[in-house]
Amino acid sequence: MLIVGLGNPGREYEWTRHNIGFMLIDLLAQQANAEVKRAECRALIGRAQIENETIELVKPQTFMNLSGEAVACLLRKREGLNTAHDLVVVSDDLALPFGSLRLRARGSSGGHNGLKSIIAQTRTEEFLRLRIGIAPEHPVNNTAGFVLEKFPANARAGVEEVLERGAEALRTLLRDGIERAMSQYN
């Protein structure tokens, strides 16, 4: 199974809202005493044992809008993986209130360019996904600028709590399946 966190590579994007997928991959790796550093298919990968399953944690290094290139390459190299069961994509979602989680078994991109790229490159919407809400309580005029801004320092504790809940949701998905995880975390 692949768990792919979406984000942009480079120090300048660390702690930005658009990188919450990378942040969750880093937390899962830390919790499993794994490192996400092996380069393959324009992605960084680490192998971890989570809920008695061997999982490959993935951070595409293609920048958000080309995430599908890395994901499709990895899927081609791993024969026998079924996207509907063996691919989980973690992304930010500006349509969801900050901190909310949405697990889905399939669906459209919802306007998210990383998800659009994965759908285009894999030719399917049939993959598991965890969307993490990043929307503020006020309207956003410049969405591109907003998602590329760093979380404010006073929000860091809240971000860490959301990441912990996201990790728990993924462990529930692995242990109990998507339906149970959706009923518990959506």
Foldseek 3Di string as FASTA:
>chain_A
DEEEFEDEDDPLQPQFLFRLRVVLLVVVCVVQVWDQADDDQQWTWIWGQFLNDTYIYIYHHPHQLQLLSSVLRVPVVDPPDDQLQRYEYEGEDQVDAALAKAKDSFDQPNPRNNRVNNCVNNVGRGHIYIYGYDHYPDDDDDPVVRRRDHDDPVCVVVSVVSSVVVNVLVSCCVNPNRVVSRVVRD
